[in-house]
Amino acid sequence: MGQPISLGHITNADIYLDDQRMVGRVKEFNVGEMAYKMVTHEALGMIGVIDLPSRAMDSLKATINFEYYEPELIAALYNPTKTCRFFLHAYLDKFDTDGLSSTSGRLVTMVKTYPSKQGERGHKLGENSEQSFEVTIAAMTQKLSTQNVPLFEYDLFAGIHKVNGKDVWPN
């Protein structure tokens, strides 16, 4: 018999500017496709054609839907000439056969973005003041609070691209 399964879910996601002050709550944070530029290889003597990844990733985009936000956060996202650095703390509750697991924790995502598109805005009496943005990601690190090694690190300007603490490409 195999190991018992664990189940988990995110209960909420608070957002912090520069990891200092809570400035909102995120309803959804969706990082788009992570894809590499592909290089087609076709040569005499090969029995087929193959596309292999180059070291360049396609532009990394994300959509952020805020359930609640402070004006200071939205002001930072309006400026297209400066990066907006925020930390998303998503509380991950993990359950196993004994109930809430001691390995529950937070998924902390640091994101440095440039705004690319702002979603429609509307206000209705008695409803959350929701706001959405599409952003281009310049840097992103994801780490579980229960582990020291980041799951994913990407920084376009510093040339960093790691998975589980290891470089994706040799230097």
C-alpha atoms as a PDB file:
ATOM      1  CA  MET A   1       0.000   0.000   0.000  1.00  0.00           C
ATOM      2  CA  GLY A   2       1.245   3.474  -0.909  1.00  0.00           C
ATOM      3  CA  GLN A   3       1.666   6.470   1.328  1.00  0.00           C
ATOM      4  CA  PRO A   4      -1.529   8.246   2.395  1.00  0.00           C
ATOM      5  CA  ILE A   5      -2.318  11.349   0.404  1.00  0.00           C
ATOM      6  CA  SER A   6      -2.319  14.901   1.676  1.00  0.00           C
ATOM      7  CA  LEU A   7      -4.699  17.598   0.537  1.00  0.00           C
ATOM      8  CA  GLY A   8      -4.097  21.308   0.577  1.00  0.00           C
ATOM      9  CA  HIS A   9      -5.577  24.615  -0.369  1.00  0.00           C
ATOM     10  CA  ILE A  10      -4.792  28.308  -0.201  1.00  0.00           C
ATOM     11  CA  THR A  11      -6.984  30.112   2.314  1.00  0.00           C
ATOM     12  CA  ASN A  12      -6.023  33.726   1.576  1.00  0.00           C
ATOM     13  CA  ALA A  13      -3.278  35.787   0.008  1.00  0.00           C
ATOM     14  CA  ASP A  14      -2.090  39.050   1.512  1.00  0.00           C
ATOM     15  CA  ILE A  15       0.098  41.414  -0.486  1.00  0.00           C
ATOM     16  CA  TYR A  16       2.937  43.515   0.972  1.00  0.00           C
ATOM     17  CA  LEU A  17       4.847  46.343  -0.698  1.00  0.00           C
ATOM     18  CA  ASP A  18       8.573  45.660  -0.270  1.00  0.00           C
ATOM     19  CA  ASP A  19       7.596  42.981   2.311  1.00  0.00           C
ATOM     20  CA  GLN A  20       6.947  45.689   4.925  1.00  0.00           C
ATOM     21  CA  ARG A  21       3.310  46.717   5.063  1.00  0.00           C
ATOM     22  CA  MET A  22       0.190  44.850   4.039  1.00  0.00           C
ATOM     23  CA  VAL A  23      -1.419  46.832   1.225  1.00  0.00           C
ATOM     24  CA  GLY A  24      -4.104  44.474  -0.011  1.00  0.00           C
ATOM     25  CA  ARG A  25      -5.560  41.049  -0.481  1.00  0.00           C
ATOM     26  CA  VAL A  26      -5.301  39.155  -3.745  1.00  0.00           C
ATOM     27  CA  LYS A  27      -8.248  37.238  -5.123  1.00  0.00           C
ATOM     28  CA  GLU A  28      -6.212  35.621  -7.903  1.00  0.00           C
ATOM     29  CA  PHE A  29      -2.575  35.713  -9.019  1.00  0.00           C
ATOM     30  CA  ASN A  30      -2.089  33.932 -12.304  1.00  0.00           C
ATOM     31  CA  VAL A  31       1.346  33.612 -13.873  1.00  0.00           C
ATOM     32  CA  GLY A  32       0.958  32.910 -17.582  1.00  0.00           C
ATOM     33  CA  GLU A  33       2.774  30.294 -19.585  1.00  0.00           C
ATOM     34  CA  MET A  34       6.464  29.858 -18.933  1.00  0.00           C
ATOM     35  CA  ALA A  35       7.975  29.052 -22.305  1.00  0.00           C
ATOM     36  CA  TYR A  36      11.385  29.158 -23.924  1.00  0.00           C
ATOM     37  CA  LYS A  37      12.334  30.464 -27.318  1.00  0.00           C
ATOM     38  CA  MET A  38      12.859  27.342 -29.399  1.00  0.00           C
ATOM     39  CA  VAL A  39      15.629  26.659 -31.920  1.00  0.00           C
ATOM     40  CA  THR A  40      14.866  24.301 -34.798  1.00  0.00           C
ATOM     41  CA  HIS A  41      17.637  21.808 -35.618  1.00  0.00           C
ATOM     42  CA  GLU A  42      17.662  20.165 -39.022  1.00  0.00           C
ATOM     43  CA  ALA A  43      20.864  18.868 -40.590  1.00  0.00           C
ATOM     44  CA  LEU A  44      22.066  16.371 -43.167  1.00  0.00           C
ATOM     45  CA  GLY A  45      22.117  12.896 -41.715  1.00  0.00           C
ATOM     46  CA  MET A  46      19.411  13.562 -39.104  1.00  0.00           C
ATOM     47  CA  ILE A  47      16.353  11.362 -39.435  1.00  0.00           C
ATOM     48  CA  GLY A  48      14.087  14.116 -38.152  1.00  0.00           C
ATOM     49  CA  VAL A  49      13.760  17.698 -37.063  1.00  0.00           C
ATOM     50  CA  ILE A  50      13.798  18.767 -33.414  1.00  0.00           C
ATOM     51  CA  ASP A  51      13.033  22.016 -31.599  1.00  0.00           C
ATOM     52  CA  LEU A  52      15.232  22.541 -28.529  1.00  0.00           C
ATOM     53  CA  PRO A  53      14.969  25.323 -25.944  1.00  0.00           C
ATOM     54  CA  SER A  54      17.344  28.256 -26.128  1.00  0.00           C
ATOM     55  CA  ARG A  55      18.416  29.993 -22.947  1.00  0.00           C
ATOM     56  CA  ALA A  56      15.959  32.816 -23.562  1.00  0.00           C
ATOM     57  CA  MET A  57      12.525  32.643 -21.981  1.00  0.00           C
ATOM     58  CA  ASP A  58       9.498  34.239 -23.551  1.00  0.00           C
ATOM     59  CA  SER A  59       8.196  37.303 -21.754  1.00  0.00           C
ATOM     60  CA  LEU A  60       6.792  36.271 -18.383  1.00  0.00           C
ATOM     61  CA  LYS A  61       3.355  37.805 -17.787  1.00  0.00           C
ATOM     62  CA  ALA A  62       0.905  37.643 -14.909  1.00  0.00           C
ATOM     63  CA  THR A  63      -2.590  38.785 -14.036  1.00  0.00           C
ATOM     64  CA  ILE A  64      -3.375  40.043 -10.537  1.00  0.00           C
ATOM     65  CA  ASN A  65      -6.943  40.441  -9.310  1.00  0.00           C
ATOM     66  CA  PHE A  66      -7.162  42.374  -6.067  1.00  0.00           C
ATOM     67  CA  GLU A  67     -10.060  41.873  -3.704  1.00  0.00           C
ATOM     68  CA  TYR A  68      -8.885  44.750  -1.541  1.00  0.00           C
ATOM     69  CA  TYR A  69      -6.063  47.249  -2.015  1.00  0.00           C
ATOM     70  CA  GLU A  70      -4.532  50.358  -0.519  1.00  0.00           C
ATOM     71  CA  PRO A  71      -4.115  53.379  -2.824  1.00  0.00           C
ATOM     72  CA  GLU A  72      -0.333  53.234  -2.362  1.00  0.00           C
ATOM     73  CA  LEU A  73      -0.226  49.817  -4.107  1.00  0.00           C
ATOM     74  CA  ILE A  74      -2.290  50.953  -7.073  1.00  0.00           C
ATOM     75  CA  ALA A  75      -0.142  54.102  -7.388  1.00  0.00           C
ATOM     76  CA  ALA A  76       2.978  51.899  -7.596  1.00  0.00           C
ATOM     77  CA  LEU A  77       1.344  49.770 -10.311  1.00  0.00           C
ATOM     78  CA  TYR A  78       0.320  52.805 -12.390  1.00  0.00           C
ATOM     79  CA  ASN A  79       3.914  53.924 -13.079  1.00  0.00           C
ATOM     80  CA  PRO A  80       5.199  52.171 -16.249  1.00  0.00           C
ATOM     81  CA  THR A  81       8.779  53.450 -15.791  1.00  0.00           C
ATOM     82  CA  LYS A  82       9.464  51.883 -12.373  1.00  0.00           C
ATOM     83  CA  THR A  83       9.214  48.327 -11.157  1.00  0.00           C
ATOM     84  CA  CYS A  84       6.704  47.553  -8.464  1.00  0.00           C
ATOM     85  CA  ARG A  85       8.129  45.056  -5.958  1.00  0.00           C
ATOM     86  CA  PHE A  86       5.604  43.202  -3.860  1.00  0.00           C
ATOM     87  CA  PHE A  87       5.390  40.055  -1.798  1.00  0.00           C
ATOM     88  CA  LEU A  88       2.398  37.764  -1.936  1.00  0.00           C
ATOM     89  CA  HIS A  89       1.907  35.640   1.205  1.00  0.00           C
ATOM     90  CA  ALA A  90      -0.462  32.780   0.350  1.00  0.00           C
ATOM     91  CA  TYR A  91      -1.457  30.663   3.337  1.00  0.00           C
ATOM     92  CA  LEU A  92      -1.281  26.984   2.376  1.00  0.00           C
ATOM     93  CA  ASP A  93      -3.272  24.698   4.670  1.00  0.00           C
ATOM     94  CA  LYS A  94      -2.288  21.058   4.238  1.00  0.00           C
ATOM     95  CA  PHE A  95      -4.378  18.221   5.642  1.00  0.00           C
ATOM     96  CA  ASP A  96      -3.465  14.553   6.110  1.00  0.00           C
ATOM     97  CA  THR A  97      -5.030  11.623   7.971  1.00  0.00           C
ATOM     98  CA  ASP A  98      -4.465  13.380  11.334  1.00  0.00           C
ATOM     99  CA  GLY A  99      -5.974  16.742  10.319  1.00  0.00           C
ATOM    100  CA  LEU A 100      -4.111  20.006   9.744  1.00  0.00           C
ATOM    101  CA  SER A 101      -0.488  19.078   9.065  1.00  0.00           C
ATOM    102  CA  SER A 102       2.497  20.635  10.789  1.00  0.00           C
ATOM    103  CA  THR A 103       3.982  21.140   7.297  1.00  0.00           C
ATOM    104  CA  SER A 104       1.334  23.771   6.534  1.00  0.00           C
ATOM    105  CA  GLY A 105       2.858  27.162   5.915  1.00  0.00           C
ATOM    106  CA  ARG A 106       2.977  30.056   3.493  1.00  0.00           C
ATOM    107  CA  LEU A 107       3.914  30.211  -0.143  1.00  0.00           C
ATOM    108  CA  VAL A 108       5.799  33.510  -0.363  1.00  0.00           C
ATOM    109  CA  THR A 109       6.133  34.938  -3.852  1.00  0.00           C
ATOM    110  CA  MET A 110       8.310  37.998  -4.434  1.00  0.00           C
ATOM    111  CA  VAL A 111       7.464  39.697  -7.707  1.00  0.00           C
ATOM    112  CA  LYS A 112       9.063  42.681  -9.421  1.00  0.00           C
ATOM    113  CA  THR A 113       6.785  43.877 -12.215  1.00  0.00           C
ATOM    114  CA  TYR A 114       6.210  46.458 -14.894  1.00  0.00           C
ATOM    115  CA  PRO A 115       2.544  47.234 -15.484  1.00  0.00           C
ATOM    116  CA  SER A 116       1.284  46.458 -18.973  1.00  0.00           C
ATOM    117  CA  LYS A 117      -2.507  46.723 -18.782  1.00  0.00           C
ATOM    118  CA  GLN A 118      -5.071  47.754 -16.228  1.00  0.00           C
ATOM    119  CA  GLY A 119      -8.401  45.964 -16.153  1.00  0.00           C
ATOM    120  CA  GLU A 120     -11.761  47.644 -16.185  1.00  0.00           C
ATOM    121  CA  ARG A 121     -12.824  49.322 -12.968  1.00  0.00           C
ATOM    122  CA  GLY A 122     -16.272  49.561 -11.555  1.00  0.00           C
ATOM    123  CA  HIS A 123     -17.792  50.275  -8.191  1.00  0.00           C
ATOM    124  CA  LYS A 124     -21.063  48.961  -6.815  1.00  0.00           C
ATOM    125  CA  LEU A 125     -22.555  49.699  -3.463  1.00  0.00           C
ATOM    126  CA  GLY A 126     -21.914  46.877  -0.997  1.00  0.00           C
ATOM    127  CA  GLU A 127     -19.350  45.008  -3.148  1.00  0.00           C
ATOM    128  CA  ASN A 128     -15.596  44.650  -2.874  1.00  0.00           C
ATOM    129  CA  SER A 129     -13.616  47.304  -4.721  1.00  0.00           C
ATOM    130  CA  GLU A 130     -11.901  44.867  -7.047  1.00  0.00           C
ATOM    131  CA  GLN A 131      -9.141  45.869  -9.435  1.00  0.00           C
ATOM    132  CA  SER A 132      -7.091  43.840 -11.927  1.00  0.00           C
ATOM    133  CA  PHE A 133      -3.745  44.395 -13.625  1.00  0.00           C
ATOM    134  CA  GLU A 134      -1.756  42.574 -16.266  1.00  0.00           C
ATOM    135  CA  VAL A 135       1.958  42.862 -15.565  1.00  0.00           C
ATOM    136  CA  THR A 136       5.267  41.856 -17.103  1.00  0.00           C
ATOM    137  CA  ILE A 137       7.514  40.075 -14.609  1.00  0.00           C
ATOM    138  CA  ALA A 138      11.125  41.257 -14.362  1.00  0.00           C
ATOM    139  CA  ALA A 139      11.930  39.087 -11.317  1.00  0.00           C
ATOM    140  CA  MET A 140      10.114  36.440  -9.307  1.00  0.00           C
ATOM    141  CA  THR A 141      11.024  34.123  -6.446  1.00  0.00           C
ATOM    142  CA  GLN A 142       8.717  31.529  -4.906  1.00  0.00           C
ATOM    143  CA  LYS A 143       9.536  29.910  -1.582  1.00  0.00           C
ATOM    144  CA  LEU A 144       7.680  27.825   0.983  1.00  0.00           C
ATOM    145  CA  SER A 145       8.016  29.222   4.505  1.00  0.00           C
ATOM    146  CA  THR A 146       8.887  25.717   5.736  1.00  0.00           C
ATOM    147  CA  GLN A 147      11.921  25.416   3.403  1.00  0.00           C
ATOM    148  CA  ASN A 148      15.120  27.400   2.948  1.00  0.00           C
ATOM    149  CA  VAL A 149      15.617  26.752  -0.776  1.00  0.00           C
ATOM    150  CA  PRO A 150      13.390  28.702  -3.185  1.00  0.00           C
ATOM    151  CA  LEU A 151      11.271  26.587  -5.524  1.00  0.00           C
ATOM    152  CA  PHE A 152      11.764  29.031  -8.384  1.00  0.00           C
ATOM    153  CA  GLU A 153      14.006  32.056  -8.961  1.00  0.00           C
ATOM    154  CA  TYR A 154      13.950  34.267 -12.021  1.00  0.00           C
ATOM    155  CA  ASP A 155      15.578  37.669 -12.459  1.00  0.00           C
ATOM    156  CA  LEU A 156      15.859  38.901 -16.033  1.00  0.00           C
ATOM    157  CA  PHE A 157      18.300  41.741 -15.338  1.00  0.00           C
ATOM    158  CA  ALA A 158      20.566  39.745 -12.996  1.00  0.00           C
ATOM    159  CA  GLY A 159      20.601  36.683 -15.293  1.00  0.00           C
ATOM    160  CA  ILE A 160      19.241  34.341 -12.618  1.00  0.00           C
ATOM    161  CA  HIS A 161      17.103  31.345 -13.528  1.00  0.00           C
ATOM    162  CA  LYS A 162      16.992  28.588 -10.898  1.00  0.00           C
ATOM    163  CA  VAL A 163      14.668  25.739 -10.007  1.00  0.00           C
ATOM    164  CA  ASN A 164      14.948  24.243  -6.494  1.00  0.00           C
ATOM    165  CA  GLY A 165      18.095  26.313  -5.883  1.00  0.00           C
ATOM    166  CA  LYS A 166      19.961  24.979  -8.931  1.00  0.00           C
ATOM    167  CA  ASP A 167      20.822  26.906 -12.099  1.00  0.00           C
ATOM    168  CA  VAL A 168      18.700  25.803 -15.043  1.00  0.00           C
ATOM    169  CA  TRP A 169      21.553  26.520 -17.452  1.00  0.00           C
ATOM    170  CA  PRO A 170      25.270  25.974 -16.696  1.00  0.00           C
ATOM    171  CA  ASN A 171      27.319  29.172 -16.491  1.00  0.00           C
END
